[in-house]
C-alpha cells in the first residue's frame, strides 16, 4: 500500500480530447467556458483566401485555374477557400480573436454559408 506524503497531492481531472481544426484540444466537463484559442488552421485559410483574392484582382493571375495550378491545389478547393473572403468583417474578427464557437470550423465553412452578411450572423455568433 502506498501512502501519500505531505509533499504529494493526487488530483484526478476528467477530460476528453477532441479534434478541432486539425489539432487536438482538451475539453473539461462542467466548467465555465474558457477563452478560446485561435484556430490556426482557420486563420491560415483566411489569410490564403485574401492573398489569393488580391492576386486575382491585381491581374497577376487571370483565372482561378492558373492560380490553383501555380499553388499546386485543385481549383475547386481554391474556390471554396476563396469564399471565406465573403464572411462579414465582424465574423472574421471573431475568428482572428479566437472567440468563435466550437461549431465554426474550416470544414464547416468550406461546406458553404450565406453570402449576405446579415444571414451569416445567427450561424456564426454563438460565441462561447
N, C-alpha and C. Protein backbone atom coordinates (compact mmCIF):
# COMPACT_ATOMS: atom_id res chain seq x y z
N UNK A 1 0.84 -1.18 0.00
CA UNK A 1 0.00 0.00 0.00
C UNK A 1 0.89 1.25 0.00
N UNK A 2 0.52 2.20 -0.87
CA UNK A 2 1.30 3.43 -0.97
C UNK A 2 0.64 4.49 -0.11
N UNK A 3 1.46 5.26 0.52
CA UNK A 3 0.94 6.33 1.36
C UNK A 3 1.34 7.68 0.77
N UNK A 4 0.42 8.59 0.81
CA UNK A 4 0.72 9.94 0.34
C UNK A 4 1.49 10.67 1.43
N UNK A 5 2.55 11.31 1.04
CA UNK A 5 3.31 12.12 2.00
C UNK A 5 2.75 13.54 1.94
N UNK A 6 3.07 14.36 2.91
CA UNK A 6 2.55 15.73 2.88
C UNK A 6 2.98 16.49 1.62
N UNK A 7 4.05 16.05 0.95
CA UNK A 7 4.53 16.72 -0.26
C UNK A 7 3.85 16.21 -1.53
N UNK A 8 2.98 15.21 -1.42
CA UNK A 8 2.36 14.60 -2.58
C UNK A 8 0.86 14.87 -2.60
N UNK A 9 0.38 15.31 -3.73
CA UNK A 9 -1.05 15.53 -3.91
C UNK A 9 -1.46 14.80 -5.18
N UNK A 10 -2.52 14.02 -5.09
CA UNK A 10 -3.05 13.33 -6.26
C UNK A 10 -4.32 14.04 -6.68
N UNK A 11 -4.39 14.40 -7.92
CA UNK A 11 -5.52 15.14 -8.44
C UNK A 11 -6.05 14.41 -9.67
N UNK A 12 -7.33 14.10 -9.68
CA UNK A 12 -7.97 13.45 -10.82
C UNK A 12 -8.85 14.48 -11.53
N UNK A 13 -8.57 14.68 -12.81
CA UNK A 13 -9.32 15.65 -13.59
C UNK A 13 -9.93 14.93 -14.79
N UNK A 14 -11.25 14.83 -14.83
CA UNK A 14 -11.86 14.21 -16.00
C UNK A 14 -11.79 15.18 -17.18
N UNK A 15 -11.44 14.67 -18.35
CA UNK A 15 -11.40 15.48 -19.54
C UNK A 15 -11.56 14.59 -20.76
N UNK A 16 -11.77 15.24 -21.88
CA UNK A 16 -11.80 14.48 -23.14
C UNK A 16 -10.97 15.25 -24.16
N UNK A 17 -10.41 14.51 -25.11
CA UNK A 17 -9.60 15.09 -26.16
C UNK A 17 -10.43 15.06 -27.44
N UNK A 18 -10.59 16.22 -28.07
CA UNK A 18 -11.34 16.31 -29.31
C UNK A 18 -10.47 16.97 -30.38
N UNK A 19 -10.75 16.63 -31.65
CA UNK A 19 -10.03 17.26 -32.74
C UNK A 19 -10.77 18.52 -33.14
N UNK A 20 -10.03 19.58 -33.31
CA UNK A 20 -10.62 20.86 -33.71
C UNK A 20 -9.64 21.57 -34.62
N UNK A 21 -10.06 21.77 -35.87
CA UNK A 21 -9.19 22.48 -36.80
C UNK A 21 -7.88 21.77 -37.06
N UNK A 22 -7.89 20.45 -37.06
CA UNK A 22 -6.67 19.70 -37.31
C UNK A 22 -5.77 19.57 -36.10
N UNK A 23 -6.19 20.07 -34.97
CA UNK A 23 -5.39 19.98 -33.75
C UNK A 23 -6.21 19.30 -32.66
N UNK A 24 -5.53 18.76 -31.70
CA UNK A 24 -6.23 18.15 -30.57
C UNK A 24 -6.41 19.19 -29.48
N UNK A 25 -7.59 19.14 -28.85
CA UNK A 25 -7.91 20.10 -27.79
C UNK A 25 -8.45 19.35 -26.59
N UNK A 26 -8.06 19.76 -25.41
CA UNK A 26 -8.55 19.15 -24.18
C UNK A 26 -9.78 19.93 -23.74
N UNK A 27 -10.89 19.22 -23.50
CA UNK A 27 -12.10 19.85 -23.00
C UNK A 27 -12.42 19.32 -21.62
N UNK A 28 -12.65 20.25 -20.71
CA UNK A 28 -13.01 19.89 -19.34
C UNK A 28 -14.53 19.89 -19.21
N UNK A 29 -15.09 18.94 -18.48
CA UNK A 29 -16.55 18.90 -18.33
C UNK A 29 -17.05 19.89 -17.28
N UNK A 30 -18.27 20.37 -17.48
CA UNK A 30 -18.95 21.22 -16.49
C UNK A 30 -18.08 22.34 -15.94
N UNK A 31 -17.38 22.99 -16.83
CA UNK A 31 -16.54 24.11 -16.43
C UNK A 31 -17.02 25.34 -17.18
N UNK A 32 -16.95 26.47 -16.54
CA UNK A 32 -17.33 27.69 -17.23
C UNK A 32 -16.47 27.83 -18.49
N UNK A 33 -17.04 28.37 -19.56
CA UNK A 33 -16.28 28.49 -20.80
C UNK A 33 -14.98 29.27 -20.59
N UNK A 34 -13.95 28.79 -21.21
CA UNK A 34 -12.66 29.46 -21.13
C UNK A 34 -12.43 30.23 -22.42
N UNK A 35 -11.53 31.17 -22.36
CA UNK A 35 -11.18 31.93 -23.55
C UNK A 35 -10.68 30.97 -24.62
N UNK A 36 -11.30 31.00 -25.78
CA UNK A 36 -10.91 30.10 -26.87
C UNK A 36 -9.58 30.53 -27.43
N UNK A 37 -8.88 29.56 -27.92
CA UNK A 37 -7.62 29.86 -28.60
C UNK A 37 -7.89 30.00 -30.08
N UNK A 38 -7.06 30.76 -30.73
CA UNK A 38 -7.20 30.97 -32.16
C UNK A 38 -7.00 29.64 -32.89
N UNK A 39 -7.90 29.35 -33.82
CA UNK A 39 -7.83 28.16 -34.65
C UNK A 39 -6.88 28.47 -35.80
N UNK A 40 -5.63 28.02 -35.68
CA UNK A 40 -4.61 28.39 -36.66
C UNK A 40 -4.94 27.88 -38.06
N UNK A 41 -5.61 26.74 -38.17
CA UNK A 41 -5.99 26.23 -39.49
C UNK A 41 -6.97 27.18 -40.16
N UNK A 42 -7.92 27.66 -39.40
CA UNK A 42 -8.91 28.59 -39.92
C UNK A 42 -8.27 29.94 -40.26
N UNK A 43 -7.39 30.42 -39.40
CA UNK A 43 -6.72 31.70 -39.65
C UNK A 43 -5.85 31.61 -40.91
N UNK A 44 -5.12 30.51 -41.07
CA UNK A 44 -4.29 30.34 -42.27
C UNK A 44 -5.15 30.30 -43.53
N UNK A 45 -6.30 29.64 -43.46
CA UNK A 45 -7.19 29.57 -44.61
C UNK A 45 -7.71 30.97 -44.97
N UNK A 46 -8.06 31.76 -43.95
CA UNK A 46 -8.49 33.13 -44.21
C UNK A 46 -7.38 33.94 -44.87
N UNK A 47 -6.16 33.80 -44.37
CA UNK A 47 -5.03 34.53 -44.94
C UNK A 47 -4.80 34.13 -46.40
N UNK A 48 -4.86 32.83 -46.67
CA UNK A 48 -4.70 32.37 -48.05
C UNK A 48 -5.80 32.92 -48.94
N UNK A 49 -7.02 32.88 -48.46
CA UNK A 49 -8.15 33.36 -49.26
C UNK A 49 -7.96 34.81 -49.67
N UNK A 50 -7.59 35.65 -48.71
CA UNK A 50 -7.42 37.06 -49.02
C UNK A 50 -6.18 37.30 -49.90
N UNK A 51 -5.13 36.50 -49.73
CA UNK A 51 -3.95 36.61 -50.59
C UNK A 51 -4.31 36.22 -52.02
N UNK A 52 -5.02 35.11 -52.17
CA UNK A 52 -5.43 34.66 -53.50
C UNK A 52 -6.36 35.68 -54.16
N UNK A 53 -7.27 36.23 -53.40
CA UNK A 53 -8.19 37.24 -53.93
C UNK A 53 -7.40 38.44 -54.45
N UNK A 54 -6.42 38.88 -53.67
CA UNK A 54 -5.59 40.02 -54.07
C UNK A 54 -4.82 39.71 -55.35
N UNK A 55 -4.29 38.48 -55.46
CA UNK A 55 -3.54 38.08 -56.65
C UNK A 55 -4.44 38.06 -57.89
N UNK A 56 -5.67 37.61 -57.73
CA UNK A 56 -6.60 37.59 -58.86
C UNK A 56 -7.04 39.01 -59.24
N UNK A 57 -7.34 39.82 -58.23
CA UNK A 57 -7.81 41.19 -58.50
C UNK A 57 -6.73 42.06 -59.11
N UNK A 58 -5.47 41.79 -58.78
CA UNK A 58 -4.36 42.60 -59.30
C UNK A 58 -4.03 42.25 -60.76
N UNK A 59 -4.55 41.12 -61.23
CA UNK A 59 -4.26 40.70 -62.58
C UNK A 59 -3.02 39.83 -62.69
N UNK A 60 -2.40 39.54 -61.54
CA UNK A 60 -1.22 38.67 -61.54
C UNK A 60 -1.57 37.30 -62.14
N UNK A 61 -2.79 36.86 -61.90
CA UNK A 61 -3.30 35.63 -62.49
C UNK A 61 -4.66 35.95 -63.10
N UNK A 62 -4.89 35.45 -64.29
CA UNK A 62 -6.13 35.76 -65.00
C UNK A 62 -7.30 34.91 -64.52
N UNK A 63 -7.02 33.68 -64.12
CA UNK A 63 -8.10 32.78 -63.73
C UNK A 63 -7.75 32.02 -62.45
N UNK A 64 -8.78 31.49 -61.83
CA UNK A 64 -8.59 30.64 -60.66
C UNK A 64 -7.80 29.40 -61.04
N UNK A 65 -8.07 28.87 -62.24
CA UNK A 65 -7.33 27.67 -62.68
C UNK A 65 -5.83 27.93 -62.76
N UNK A 66 -5.43 29.10 -63.29
CA UNK A 66 -4.00 29.44 -63.37
C UNK A 66 -3.38 29.50 -61.97
N UNK A 67 -4.04 30.20 -61.09
CA UNK A 67 -3.54 30.36 -59.72
C UNK A 67 -3.50 29.03 -59.00
N UNK A 68 -4.53 28.22 -59.15
CA UNK A 68 -4.58 26.92 -58.50
C UNK A 68 -3.43 26.03 -58.99
N UNK A 69 -3.15 26.11 -60.28
CA UNK A 69 -2.04 25.31 -60.83
C UNK A 69 -0.71 25.75 -60.22
N UNK A 70 -0.52 27.06 -60.11
CA UNK A 70 0.72 27.57 -59.50
C UNK A 70 0.85 27.16 -58.04
N UNK A 71 -0.27 27.18 -57.31
CA UNK A 71 -0.26 26.83 -55.89
C UNK A 71 -0.25 25.32 -55.67
N UNK A 72 -0.52 24.57 -56.72
CA UNK A 72 -0.50 23.12 -56.62
C UNK A 72 -1.70 22.53 -55.89
N UNK A 73 -2.84 23.17 -56.06
CA UNK A 73 -4.06 22.67 -55.43
C UNK A 73 -5.18 22.60 -56.46
N UNK A 74 -6.24 21.92 -56.12
CA UNK A 74 -7.38 21.78 -57.02
C UNK A 74 -8.15 23.11 -57.11
N UNK A 75 -8.56 23.50 -58.31
CA UNK A 75 -9.35 24.74 -58.45
C UNK A 75 -10.63 24.73 -57.62
N UNK A 76 -11.26 23.57 -57.47
CA UNK A 76 -12.49 23.50 -56.69
C UNK A 76 -12.23 23.84 -55.21
N UNK A 77 -11.10 23.36 -54.68
CA UNK A 77 -10.73 23.68 -53.29
C UNK A 77 -10.43 25.18 -53.17
N UNK A 78 -9.70 25.71 -54.13
CA UNK A 78 -9.37 27.14 -54.09
C UNK A 78 -10.65 27.98 -54.09
N UNK A 79 -11.61 27.59 -54.90
CA UNK A 79 -12.87 28.32 -54.97
C UNK A 79 -13.58 28.32 -53.62
N UNK A 80 -13.59 27.16 -52.96
CA UNK A 80 -14.24 27.08 -51.65
C UNK A 80 -13.52 27.94 -50.62
N UNK A 81 -12.17 27.94 -50.65
CA UNK A 81 -11.41 28.76 -49.71
C UNK A 81 -11.62 30.24 -50.02
N UNK A 82 -11.66 30.60 -51.30
CA UNK A 82 -11.88 32.00 -51.68
C UNK A 82 -13.22 32.53 -51.15
N UNK A 83 -14.20 31.65 -50.97
CA UNK A 83 -15.50 32.08 -50.42
C UNK A 83 -15.35 32.68 -49.02
N UNK A 84 -14.28 32.31 -48.31
CA UNK A 84 -14.08 32.86 -46.96
C UNK A 84 -13.97 34.38 -46.98
N UNK A 85 -13.58 34.96 -48.14
CA UNK A 85 -13.49 36.41 -48.23
C UNK A 85 -14.87 37.06 -48.20
N UNK A 86 -15.93 36.27 -48.29
CA UNK A 86 -17.30 36.78 -48.24
C UNK A 86 -17.86 36.83 -46.82
N UNK A 87 -17.08 36.39 -45.85
CA UNK A 87 -17.54 36.45 -44.46
C UNK A 87 -17.64 37.90 -44.00
N UNK A 88 -18.61 38.17 -43.16
CA UNK A 88 -18.78 39.51 -42.61
C UNK A 88 -17.53 39.90 -41.81
N UNK A 89 -17.14 41.17 -41.87
CA UNK A 89 -15.93 41.62 -41.16
C UNK A 89 -15.94 41.30 -39.67
N UNK A 90 -17.09 41.42 -39.01
CA UNK A 90 -17.13 41.12 -37.57
C UNK A 90 -16.94 39.63 -37.30
N UNK A 91 -17.37 38.78 -38.23
CA UNK A 91 -17.16 37.34 -38.07
C UNK A 91 -15.69 37.01 -38.25
N UNK A 92 -15.05 37.64 -39.23
CA UNK A 92 -13.60 37.43 -39.43
C UNK A 92 -12.85 37.87 -38.19
N UNK A 93 -13.23 39.00 -37.62
CA UNK A 93 -12.57 39.48 -36.40
C UNK A 93 -12.76 38.49 -35.24
N UNK A 94 -13.95 37.95 -35.12
CA UNK A 94 -14.24 36.96 -34.08
C UNK A 94 -13.34 35.74 -34.24
N UNK A 95 -13.16 35.28 -35.48
CA UNK A 95 -12.31 34.12 -35.75
C UNK A 95 -10.85 34.46 -35.44
N UNK A 96 -10.39 35.63 -35.87
CA UNK A 96 -8.99 36.01 -35.62
C UNK A 96 -8.70 36.17 -34.12
N UNK A 97 -9.73 36.57 -33.37
CA UNK A 97 -9.57 36.71 -31.91
C UNK A 97 -9.75 35.38 -31.17
N UNK A 98 -10.16 34.33 -31.89
CA UNK A 98 -10.37 33.04 -31.26
C UNK A 98 -11.63 32.97 -30.43
N UNK A 99 -12.61 33.82 -30.73
CA UNK A 99 -13.84 33.86 -29.95
C UNK A 99 -15.00 33.17 -30.62
N UNK A 100 -14.77 32.50 -31.75
CA UNK A 100 -15.85 31.81 -32.45
C UNK A 100 -16.28 30.58 -31.66
N UNK A 101 -17.49 30.17 -31.87
CA UNK A 101 -17.97 28.95 -31.23
C UNK A 101 -17.25 27.74 -31.79
N UNK A 102 -17.26 26.66 -31.04
CA UNK A 102 -16.54 25.46 -31.49
C UNK A 102 -17.16 24.84 -32.73
N UNK A 103 -18.40 25.23 -33.06
CA UNK A 103 -19.03 24.71 -34.27
C UNK A 103 -18.49 25.40 -35.53
N UNK A 104 -17.74 26.49 -35.36
CA UNK A 104 -17.17 27.20 -36.50
C UNK A 104 -15.79 26.62 -36.80
N UNK A 105 -15.76 25.76 -37.81
CA UNK A 105 -14.51 25.11 -38.21
C UNK A 105 -14.30 25.33 -39.70
N UNK A 106 -13.07 25.11 -40.16
CA UNK A 106 -12.79 25.25 -41.58
C UNK A 106 -13.66 24.29 -42.39
N UNK A 107 -13.78 23.06 -41.92
CA UNK A 107 -14.59 22.09 -42.63
C UNK A 107 -16.02 22.56 -42.81
N UNK A 108 -16.59 23.12 -41.76
CA UNK A 108 -17.96 23.61 -41.84
C UNK A 108 -18.06 24.80 -42.78
N UNK A 109 -17.11 25.71 -42.70
CA UNK A 109 -17.14 26.89 -43.57
C UNK A 109 -16.98 26.52 -45.04
N UNK A 110 -16.16 25.53 -45.31
CA UNK A 110 -15.95 25.13 -46.71
C UNK A 110 -17.19 24.46 -47.31
N UNK A 111 -18.10 24.00 -46.45
CA UNK A 111 -19.35 23.41 -46.96
C UNK A 111 -20.30 24.48 -47.45
N UNK A 112 -20.06 25.72 -47.05
CA UNK A 112 -20.88 26.82 -47.53
C UNK A 112 -21.56 27.59 -46.41
N UNK A 113 -21.90 28.81 -46.71
CA UNK A 113 -22.58 29.71 -45.79
C UNK A 113 -23.25 30.79 -46.62
N UNK A 114 -24.23 31.51 -46.07
CA UNK A 114 -24.90 32.55 -46.84
C UNK A 114 -23.92 33.66 -47.23
N UNK A 115 -24.09 34.21 -48.42
CA UNK A 115 -23.22 35.29 -48.88
C UNK A 115 -23.58 36.62 -48.20
N UNK A 116 -24.86 36.79 -47.84
CA UNK A 116 -25.30 38.04 -47.21
C UNK A 116 -24.83 38.07 -45.76
N UNK A 117 -24.22 39.16 -45.36
CA UNK A 117 -23.66 39.28 -44.02
C UNK A 117 -24.73 39.11 -42.94
N UNK A 118 -25.91 39.70 -43.15
CA UNK A 118 -26.96 39.60 -42.14
C UNK A 118 -27.38 38.15 -41.93
N UNK A 119 -27.42 37.38 -43.00
CA UNK A 119 -27.83 35.97 -42.90
C UNK A 119 -26.77 35.11 -42.23
N UNK A 120 -25.53 35.59 -42.18
CA UNK A 120 -24.44 34.83 -41.55
C UNK A 120 -24.50 34.94 -40.03
N UNK A 121 -25.01 36.01 -39.51
CA UNK A 121 -24.94 36.31 -38.08
C UNK A 121 -25.47 35.20 -37.17
N UNK A 122 -26.66 34.65 -37.41
CA UNK A 122 -27.16 33.62 -36.49
C UNK A 122 -26.26 32.39 -36.43
N UNK A 123 -25.60 32.05 -37.51
CA UNK A 123 -24.77 30.86 -37.54
C UNK A 123 -23.42 31.05 -36.89
N UNK A 124 -22.89 32.25 -36.92
CA UNK A 124 -21.51 32.45 -36.52
C UNK A 124 -21.32 33.17 -35.20
N UNK A 125 -22.35 33.74 -34.64
CA UNK A 125 -22.14 34.49 -33.41
C UNK A 125 -22.61 33.74 -32.18
N UNK A 126 -22.30 32.47 -32.14
CA UNK A 126 -22.54 31.69 -30.94
C UNK A 126 -21.23 31.65 -30.17
N UNK A 127 -20.81 32.82 -29.77
CA UNK A 127 -19.52 32.97 -29.09
C UNK A 127 -19.59 32.37 -27.71
N UNK A 128 -18.58 31.59 -27.36
CA UNK A 128 -18.53 30.97 -26.03
C UNK A 128 -17.82 31.88 -25.07
